[in-house]
Amino acid sequence: MYKISSIYWAYRNKVTNKLFGVVKMRHKGKRSGNALVSFITGPFTKAPWEFFTDPHSNYWTSKEIVRLLNVRGYDVDIINWDNKTFIPKKKYAICIDIQHNLERLSPRLGSSCVKVMFVLSSYPLFQNNAEQTRIDNLEKRRGVKFSHKRHDVLSNNIKYIDFISGYGNETVYKTYPLKDKKIVPIPAPAVKTYKFPKDKNFEKVQTHFLFFGGGGAILKGLDLVVEAFSTMPNLHLHIVGPAAYEKEFAKEYEKEFALPNIHRYQRPKISKNGIMTVGEKLFSEIADQCASMIYPSASEGTSGAVIQAMYAGVIPVVTKATGLPEDSPSIIIENPSVESIISLAQKISEMDSKILRKMAYDSWKYVNIHHTKEKFSETYADFIDNVIKL
C-alpha cells in the first residue's frame, strides 16, 4: 500500500512544477527554516508507482540531498538547474545549486543565506575548451568538422559561493579557478550494485573491451577508441550508450561500426526493481563479456558509468579527467590518442588473466567501499553538519 501523503505531494508537485517551475518537500520533526535547491524537480513529481528508466544517479542524488535537509527541519523548495524565471520570495537559510543559478539568485537571497555549489562536472570553461581541442584534433585526423555536444554555459557562479563540494578528483578540482576555497569531495553513488562475477573467465574475455558513457562522443573520446579498435580485428569493442548513435558521429564512423569486432548497444534502462537492461540484454551480461572498460574522457565530475562498470567487475582504463579518486585501482591513460589506446589495449589483451582478475576484484571492492548510496549520504550529511554547520 502506498502512503496517501506521498501520493498527495507527488501530484501537488506535478501541478506546481508545471505552473511555477518549483516543487516543495516538507520538513521532518522540529522546523528549522527554509532551504532552496537548484537541481532537478522531476524526482519529486513521481507517484510511488512511477519511476525513471534512465539509470542516472542524479535522480536519486537530488532526492537524497533534499531528504537530508528535510530531516534537519528544513522545508525545501526545489527548482530545475536551468530555471531562469524563479524569484525567491521567502527567507532561505541555505541555497544549494549545481553551478548554474547562484549568480542570478544571490542578489535576492541576501547575505544571511548560505550559498553552496554542488560540483557535477569540470569547470564549464575547461570542459568547453577540452571539447574544442578534441574536435580540432578530429578535424586534423579525418578532415571532418563536428559540432559541440557538451557545451556548458559560462557564468560567474563561483564568485557567489560560501562553500563548494562535489564529485571528482584533484584533476577535476584544479579546473576551478578558486582562490580561498577548497572543494569538499563527495563520492558519486552507483545506481545498481552487483556481486563480483566470480565465474567470469578473464582469459576468455580479456580481448573484449567496454565503452560505456553518456552523450558527447568526441568529449568522451569515443572517436579515439573506435579508430583504435578498427585497426585491431583480434580485439572486440562493446559500446554502450547514446554517444555512438549521435547523428554526425554515426555517419562519420559508419564503416567502422560495420566491422565485426565493434558492437553497439543503446542507452541502458532500469526497471522499478533496479534491473538494468541494454536492449534485450542485461547490462551485467555485457559487462561479463569484457575484462576492461576503456574510457578516455576529456572532462567529467566522477563518471557514473565508470563506477557502474567497476561494480560489474570491469577494470577501469581511464584518463585522470574521468574523476576517479587518486587512490582508486585503475589503469591511467596518460596521453589519450589512437596510438596510446592501441598500445594499452594490446598490452591488456596479453596480460596474465590471474592479474586481470585481481585488478577487477580490487576495483569492485573499492567501489563497494567508497561509491555506495550509503557512503554518499554519510559524506554529504557530514558536509552539512560539520563543514557548513547548518
Protein backbone atom coordinates (compact mmCIF):
# COMPACT_ATOMS: atom_id res chain seq x y z
CA MET A 1 0.00 0.00 0.00
CA TYR A 2 1.19 3.50 -0.81
CA LYS A 3 1.14 6.29 1.74
CA ILE A 4 -1.52 8.89 1.00
CA SER A 5 0.93 11.67 1.88
CA SER A 6 3.46 10.55 -0.74
CA ILE A 7 0.74 10.45 -3.40
CA TYR A 8 -0.53 13.90 -2.36
CA TRP A 9 2.91 15.53 -2.53
CA ALA A 10 3.73 13.92 -5.88
CA TYR A 11 0.58 15.27 -7.52
CA ARG A 12 0.83 18.62 -5.75
CA ASN A 13 4.35 18.92 -7.11
CA LYS A 14 3.28 17.89 -10.60
CA VAL A 15 0.95 20.92 -10.63
CA THR A 16 3.31 23.47 -9.06
CA ASN A 17 6.19 22.28 -11.24
CA LYS A 18 4.15 22.74 -14.40
CA LEU A 19 2.66 26.10 -13.40
CA PHE A 20 5.52 27.72 -11.49
CA GLY A 21 8.63 25.60 -12.05
CA VAL A 22 9.01 24.83 -8.34
CA VAL A 23 8.25 21.87 -6.09
CA LYS A 24 8.34 21.52 -2.30
CA MET A 25 9.19 18.88 0.29
CA ARG A 26 8.21 19.49 3.93
CA HIS A 27 10.46 19.27 6.96
CA LYS A 28 10.57 16.37 9.40
CA GLY A 29 10.47 16.93 13.16
CA LYS A 30 11.12 20.38 14.58
CA ARG A 31 11.10 23.07 11.92
CA SER A 32 14.42 24.90 11.34
CA GLY A 33 13.59 27.14 8.37
CA ASN A 34 13.57 27.16 4.57
CA ALA A 35 16.07 25.82 2.04
CA LEU A 36 16.32 26.22 -1.74
CA VAL A 37 17.82 23.56 -4.02
CA SER A 38 18.57 24.24 -7.69
CA PHE A 39 18.99 20.77 -9.17
CA ILE A 40 16.17 18.76 -10.80
CA THR A 41 12.46 18.74 -9.94
CA GLY A 42 11.37 15.57 -11.76
CA PRO A 43 12.06 13.09 -8.94
CA PHE A 44 9.66 14.96 -6.65
CA THR A 45 6.76 14.69 -9.09
CA LYS A 46 6.77 10.90 -9.30
CA ALA A 47 3.95 8.98 -7.65
CA PRO A 48 5.13 5.90 -5.69
CA TRP A 49 4.46 3.63 -8.68
CA GLU A 50 6.24 5.91 -11.17
CA PHE A 51 9.98 5.81 -11.84
CA PHE A 52 12.71 6.97 -14.24
CA THR A 53 14.02 4.42 -16.74
CA ASP A 54 17.21 6.44 -17.24
CA PRO A 55 19.76 4.98 -14.78
CA HIS A 56 21.43 8.29 -13.95
CA SER A 57 22.36 8.76 -10.29
CA ASN A 58 21.22 12.42 -10.25
CA TYR A 59 17.59 11.35 -9.86
CA TRP A 60 18.43 9.66 -6.57
CA THR A 61 21.08 12.20 -5.51
CA SER A 62 18.75 15.19 -5.77
CA LYS A 63 16.12 13.48 -3.62
CA GLU A 64 18.72 12.46 -1.07
CA ILE A 65 20.11 15.98 -0.65
CA VAL A 66 16.57 17.25 -0.08
CA ARG A 67 15.85 14.42 2.35
CA LEU A 68 18.96 15.30 4.36
CA LEU A 69 17.71 18.87 4.64
CA ASN A 70 14.16 17.75 5.49
CA VAL A 71 15.28 15.60 8.42
CA ARG A 72 17.21 18.58 9.73
CA GLY A 73 13.97 20.52 9.92
CA TYR A 74 14.01 22.44 6.64
CA ASP A 75 11.14 22.97 4.24
CA VAL A 76 12.83 22.68 0.84
CA ASP A 77 11.83 24.40 -2.39
CA ILE A 78 13.36 22.74 -5.48
CA ILE A 79 13.79 24.25 -8.95
CA ASN A 80 15.48 22.93 -12.08
CA TRP A 81 19.11 23.91 -12.64
CA ASP A 82 18.11 25.74 -15.86
CA ASN A 83 15.18 27.67 -14.37
CA LYS A 84 15.72 31.32 -15.26
CA THR A 85 12.41 32.72 -14.03
CA PHE A 86 12.05 31.62 -10.40
CA ILE A 87 12.35 34.55 -8.00
CA PRO A 88 12.93 33.86 -4.26
CA LYS A 89 10.13 35.37 -2.18
CA LYS A 90 10.97 33.99 1.24
CA LYS A 91 13.96 33.87 3.54
CA TYR A 92 16.17 30.86 2.88
CA ALA A 93 18.80 29.62 5.33
CA ILE A 94 20.68 27.79 2.55
CA CYS A 95 20.71 27.52 -1.24
CA ILE A 96 22.36 24.53 -2.95
CA ASP A 97 22.96 24.91 -6.69
CA ILE A 98 24.68 22.76 -9.34
CA GLN A 99 26.74 25.69 -10.70
CA HIS A 100 24.12 27.39 -12.85
CA ASN A 101 21.83 29.64 -10.80
CA LEU A 102 23.77 31.23 -7.93
CA GLU A 103 24.78 34.33 -9.86
CA ARG A 104 21.15 35.09 -10.72
CA LEU A 105 19.66 34.15 -7.37
CA SER A 106 22.24 35.58 -4.97
CA PRO A 107 21.10 39.24 -5.00
CA ARG A 108 17.63 38.11 -3.90
CA LEU A 109 18.81 35.55 -1.34
CA GLY A 110 20.52 38.03 0.94
CA SER A 111 23.78 37.79 2.84
CA SER A 112 22.37 35.55 5.58
CA CYS A 113 21.64 32.72 3.13
CA VAL A 114 24.47 30.17 2.92
CA LYS A 115 25.29 29.65 -0.77
CA VAL A 116 26.58 26.22 -1.72
CA MET A 117 27.69 24.87 -5.08
CA PHE A 118 27.47 21.15 -5.86
CA VAL A 119 30.05 20.13 -8.50
CA LEU A 120 28.92 17.52 -11.04
CA SER A 121 31.50 18.19 -13.75
CA SER A 122 34.70 20.05 -14.55
CA TYR A 123 34.62 23.85 -14.67
CA PRO A 124 32.50 24.89 -17.69
CA LEU A 125 35.24 26.90 -19.42
CA PHE A 126 37.65 23.97 -19.05
CA GLN A 127 35.11 21.49 -20.43
CA ASN A 128 34.26 23.71 -23.41
CA ASN A 129 37.93 24.11 -24.26
CA ALA A 130 38.57 20.39 -23.81
CA GLU A 131 35.78 19.52 -26.23
CA GLN A 132 37.01 22.11 -28.73
CA THR A 133 40.52 20.64 -28.59
CA ARG A 134 39.15 17.16 -29.24
CA ILE A 135 37.06 18.48 -32.15
CA ASP A 136 40.11 20.23 -33.63
CA ASN A 137 42.20 17.07 -33.31
CA LEU A 138 39.50 15.04 -35.04
CA GLU A 139 39.44 17.54 -37.90
CA LYS A 140 43.21 17.18 -38.29
CA ARG A 141 42.97 13.38 -38.38
CA ARG A 142 39.93 12.92 -40.62
CA GLY A 143 39.19 16.31 -42.18
CA VAL A 144 35.70 16.48 -40.66
CA LYS A 145 34.29 19.30 -38.51
CA PHE A 146 31.97 18.28 -35.69
CA SER A 147 29.65 20.48 -33.65
CA HIS A 148 29.73 20.77 -29.85
CA LYS A 149 27.58 18.25 -27.96
CA ARG A 150 28.55 19.06 -24.37
CA HIS A 151 28.98 22.83 -24.45
CA ASP A 152 28.34 24.24 -20.96
CA VAL A 153 27.02 27.72 -20.17
CA LEU A 154 29.61 30.07 -18.66
CA SER A 155 28.78 32.07 -15.55
CA ASN A 156 30.25 33.83 -12.52
CA ASN A 157 28.59 31.45 -10.05
CA ILE A 158 31.78 30.61 -8.17
CA LYS A 159 32.12 34.28 -7.16
CA TYR A 160 28.99 33.93 -5.02
CA ILE A 161 29.70 30.70 -3.12
CA ASP A 162 30.28 30.25 0.58
CA PHE A 163 31.00 26.52 0.26
CA ILE A 164 31.65 24.12 -2.60
CA SER A 165 31.53 20.33 -2.68
CA GLY A 166 31.01 17.61 -5.23
CA TYR A 167 32.30 14.83 -7.43
CA GLY A 168 35.75 14.44 -8.89
CA ASN A 169 39.43 14.21 -8.00
CA GLU A 170 42.29 16.71 -7.85
CA THR A 171 42.46 16.80 -11.67
CA VAL A 172 38.82 17.86 -11.82
CA TYR A 173 39.06 20.26 -8.88
CA LYS A 174 42.06 22.07 -10.37
CA THR A 175 39.93 23.13 -13.35
CA TYR A 176 38.06 25.52 -11.00
CA PRO A 177 39.62 28.99 -10.53
CA LEU A 178 39.19 29.05 -6.76
CA LYS A 179 41.32 31.30 -4.57
CA ASP A 180 40.45 30.88 -0.90
CA LYS A 181 38.08 27.89 -1.03
CA LYS A 182 38.56 24.16 -1.48
CA ILE A 183 36.14 21.65 -2.96
CA VAL A 184 34.95 19.12 -0.38
CA PRO A 185 34.95 15.68 -2.05
CA ILE A 186 31.61 13.85 -2.26
CA PRO A 187 31.61 10.26 -3.62
CA ALA A 188 29.44 9.62 -6.67
CA PRO A 189 26.98 6.81 -5.86
CA ALA A 190 26.33 3.81 -8.08
CA VAL A 191 22.76 3.24 -9.19
CA LYS A 192 22.98 -0.55 -9.35
CA THR A 193 25.21 -2.80 -7.26
CA TYR A 194 26.40 -6.25 -8.25
CA LYS A 195 28.16 -9.15 -6.62
CA PHE A 196 31.63 -9.80 -8.01
CA PRO A 197 31.31 -12.14 -11.04
CA LYS A 198 33.39 -14.97 -9.57
CA ASP A 199 32.69 -17.28 -12.52
CA LYS A 200 33.94 -14.77 -15.08
CA ASN A 201 36.62 -16.29 -17.35
CA PHE A 202 39.16 -13.47 -17.68
CA GLU A 203 41.35 -15.48 -20.04
CA LYS A 204 38.40 -15.68 -22.43
CA VAL A 205 37.20 -12.07 -22.11
CA GLN A 206 40.49 -10.14 -21.90
CA THR A 207 40.28 -9.38 -25.63
CA HIS A 208 36.89 -7.71 -25.12
CA PHE A 209 36.65 -4.06 -24.02
CA LEU A 210 33.70 -1.93 -22.87
CA PHE A 211 33.00 1.71 -23.69
CA PHE A 212 30.13 2.96 -21.53
CA GLY A 213 29.02 6.57 -21.13
CA GLY A 214 26.53 9.32 -21.86
CA GLY A 215 26.30 11.76 -24.74
CA GLY A 216 29.16 13.71 -26.26
CA ALA A 217 31.13 11.20 -28.31
CA ILE A 218 34.10 13.46 -29.04
CA LEU A 219 34.43 14.83 -25.49
CA LYS A 220 34.29 11.27 -24.14
CA GLY A 221 36.93 10.06 -26.61
CA LEU A 222 34.78 7.53 -28.46
CA ASP A 223 36.33 8.65 -31.76
CA LEU A 224 39.79 7.68 -30.49
CA VAL A 225 38.57 4.31 -29.23
CA VAL A 226 36.67 3.39 -32.40
CA GLU A 227 39.59 4.35 -34.62
CA ALA A 228 41.96 2.31 -32.44
CA PHE A 229 39.82 -0.85 -32.47
CA SER A 230 39.21 -0.57 -36.20
CA THR A 231 42.91 -1.45 -36.61
CA MET A 232 42.77 -4.43 -34.20
CA PRO A 233 40.43 -7.08 -35.61
CA ASN A 234 41.53 -9.54 -32.91
CA LEU A 235 40.12 -7.28 -30.15
CA HIS A 236 36.45 -6.52 -29.58
CA LEU A 237 34.84 -3.23 -28.54
CA HIS A 238 31.37 -3.14 -26.93
CA ILE A 239 29.88 0.38 -26.92
CA VAL A 240 27.01 1.05 -24.52
CA GLY A 241 25.16 4.38 -24.50
CA PRO A 242 23.90 7.13 -26.78
CA ALA A 243 27.24 8.54 -27.98
CA ALA A 244 27.68 6.07 -30.84
CA TYR A 245 24.21 6.97 -32.15
CA GLU A 246 24.74 10.73 -32.35
CA LYS A 247 23.80 11.60 -35.92
CA GLU A 248 27.01 13.13 -37.23
CA PHE A 249 29.18 10.67 -35.33
CA ALA A 250 27.26 7.63 -36.58
CA LYS A 251 27.53 8.91 -40.15
CA GLU A 252 31.27 9.61 -39.97
CA TYR A 253 32.08 6.23 -38.41
CA GLU A 254 29.62 4.15 -40.44
CA LYS A 255 32.38 1.94 -41.91
CA GLU A 256 33.98 1.31 -38.52
CA PHE A 257 30.63 0.38 -36.97
CA ALA A 258 30.14 -2.21 -39.70
CA LEU A 259 33.29 -4.08 -38.62
CA PRO A 260 32.64 -7.46 -36.95
CA ASN A 261 34.72 -6.61 -33.86
CA ILE A 262 32.83 -3.39 -32.99
CA HIS A 263 29.45 -3.78 -31.33
CA ARG A 264 26.94 -1.00 -30.50
CA TYR A 265 24.22 -1.00 -27.84
CA GLN A 266 21.67 1.65 -26.97
CA ARG A 267 21.34 3.61 -23.71
CA PRO A 268 20.66 1.35 -20.70
CA LYS A 269 17.30 1.37 -18.96
CA ILE A 270 16.46 0.48 -15.40
CA SER A 271 13.27 -1.05 -14.03
CA LYS A 272 11.44 -0.12 -10.87
CA ASN A 273 13.12 -3.09 -9.22
CA GLY A 274 16.57 -1.87 -10.22
CA ILE A 275 17.22 -4.27 -13.09
CA MET A 276 19.47 -2.61 -15.67
CA THR A 277 18.99 -3.70 -19.25
CA VAL A 278 20.51 -2.73 -22.60
CA GLY A 279 18.05 -3.65 -25.30
CA GLU A 280 17.22 -7.32 -24.81
CA LYS A 281 20.30 -7.96 -22.66
CA LEU A 282 21.09 -7.40 -19.03
CA PHE A 283 23.85 -4.84 -18.52
CA SER A 284 25.65 -7.40 -16.38
CA GLU A 285 25.70 -9.82 -19.34
CA ILE A 286 27.54 -7.29 -21.49
CA ALA A 287 29.91 -6.46 -18.62
CA ASP A 288 30.63 -10.16 -18.14
CA GLN A 289 31.86 -10.28 -21.75
CA CYS A 290 34.52 -7.63 -21.04
CA ALA A 291 37.62 -7.56 -18.86
CA SER A 292 38.21 -3.80 -19.14
CA MET A 293 36.38 -0.53 -19.76
CA ILE A 294 38.35 1.90 -21.90
CA TYR A 295 37.18 5.49 -21.43
CA PRO A 296 39.48 8.39 -22.45
CA SER A 297 37.10 11.20 -21.46
CA ALA A 298 38.44 14.76 -21.50
CA SER A 299 36.06 16.11 -18.83
CA GLU A 300 33.84 14.67 -16.10
CA GLY A 301 32.95 15.10 -12.46
CA THR A 302 33.21 11.46 -11.50
CA SER A 303 31.92 9.25 -14.29
CA GLY A 304 28.93 7.31 -13.03
CA ALA A 305 29.31 4.92 -15.95
CA VAL A 306 32.84 4.03 -14.87
CA ILE A 307 31.67 3.47 -11.28
CA GLN A 308 28.86 1.26 -12.57
CA ALA A 309 31.24 -0.78 -14.73
CA MET A 310 33.62 -1.28 -11.79
CA TYR A 311 30.68 -2.61 -9.78
CA ALA A 312 30.05 -5.13 -12.56
CA GLY A 313 33.62 -6.47 -12.35
CA VAL A 314 35.20 -4.46 -15.19
CA ILE A 315 38.68 -2.90 -14.88
CA PRO A 316 38.68 0.88 -15.48
CA VAL A 317 41.17 2.08 -18.12
CA VAL A 318 40.59 5.83 -17.91
CA THR A 319 42.01 9.32 -18.02
CA LYS A 320 42.54 11.30 -14.82
CA ALA A 321 39.84 13.66 -16.14
CA THR A 322 37.32 10.84 -15.63
CA GLY A 323 37.33 11.89 -11.98
CA LEU A 324 38.13 8.63 -10.19
CA PRO A 325 39.82 9.39 -6.86
CA GLU A 326 43.61 9.13 -6.95
CA ASP A 327 43.66 6.09 -4.66
CA SER A 328 41.28 4.07 -6.83
CA PRO A 329 42.65 0.96 -8.57
CA SER A 330 42.67 1.83 -12.26
CA ILE A 331 44.85 1.95 -15.36
CA ILE A 332 45.50 5.55 -16.37
CA ILE A 333 45.57 6.72 -19.99
CA GLU A 334 48.17 9.47 -19.67
CA ASN A 335 48.04 10.97 -23.18
CA PRO A 336 44.86 9.88 -24.96
CA SER A 337 45.42 9.18 -28.64
CA VAL A 338 44.60 6.47 -31.15
CA GLU A 339 48.15 5.15 -30.79
CA SER A 340 48.18 5.10 -26.97
CA ILE A 341 44.83 3.30 -26.87
CA ILE A 342 46.09 0.67 -29.33
CA SER A 343 49.17 0.12 -27.17
CA LEU A 344 47.20 -0.16 -23.92
CA ALA A 345 44.52 -2.45 -25.37
CA GLN A 346 47.10 -4.81 -26.83
CA LYS A 347 49.02 -4.89 -23.56
CA ILE A 348 45.89 -5.70 -21.54
CA SER A 349 44.85 -8.40 -24.00
CA GLU A 350 48.18 -10.16 -23.41
CA MET A 351 48.30 -9.86 -19.59
CA ASP A 352 48.13 -12.81 -17.24
CA SER A 353 44.41 -13.44 -16.72
CA LYS A 354 45.00 -14.03 -13.00
CA ILE A 355 46.37 -10.50 -12.69
CA LEU A 356 43.35 -9.15 -14.55
CA ARG A 357 41.00 -10.98 -12.21
CA LYS A 358 42.80 -9.47 -9.21
CA MET A 359 42.60 -5.98 -10.74
CA ALA A 360 38.89 -6.38 -11.44
CA TYR A 361 38.24 -7.60 -7.90
CA ASP A 362 40.21 -4.69 -6.41
CA SER A 363 38.14 -2.25 -8.49
CA TRP A 364 34.89 -3.93 -7.44
CA LYS A 365 35.95 -3.87 -3.78
CA TYR A 366 36.91 -0.20 -4.00
CA VAL A 367 33.52 0.99 -5.27
CA ASN A 368 31.75 -1.22 -2.72
CA ILE A 369 33.53 0.73 -0.01
CA HIS A 370 33.62 4.23 -1.48
CA HIS A 371 30.80 4.62 -4.02
CA THR A 372 27.57 3.40 -2.45
CA LYS A 373 24.42 5.39 -1.81
CA GLU A 374 25.08 4.93 1.90
CA LYS A 375 28.55 6.46 1.54
CA PHE A 376 27.14 9.43 -0.38
CA SER A 377 24.55 10.05 2.36
CA GLU A 378 27.10 9.75 5.14
CA THR A 379 29.56 12.10 3.43
CA TYR A 380 27.01 14.72 2.43
CA ALA A 381 25.43 14.69 5.89
CA ASP A 382 28.87 15.31 7.37
CA PHE A 383 29.37 18.18 4.90
CA ILE A 384 26.09 19.78 6.05
CA ASP A 385 26.72 19.26 9.76
CA ASN A 386 30.46 19.82 10.13
CA VAL A 387 31.54 21.97 7.17
CA ILE A 388 28.56 24.24 6.53
CA LYS A 389 27.48 23.78 10.16
CA LEU A 390 23.90 24.48 9.22
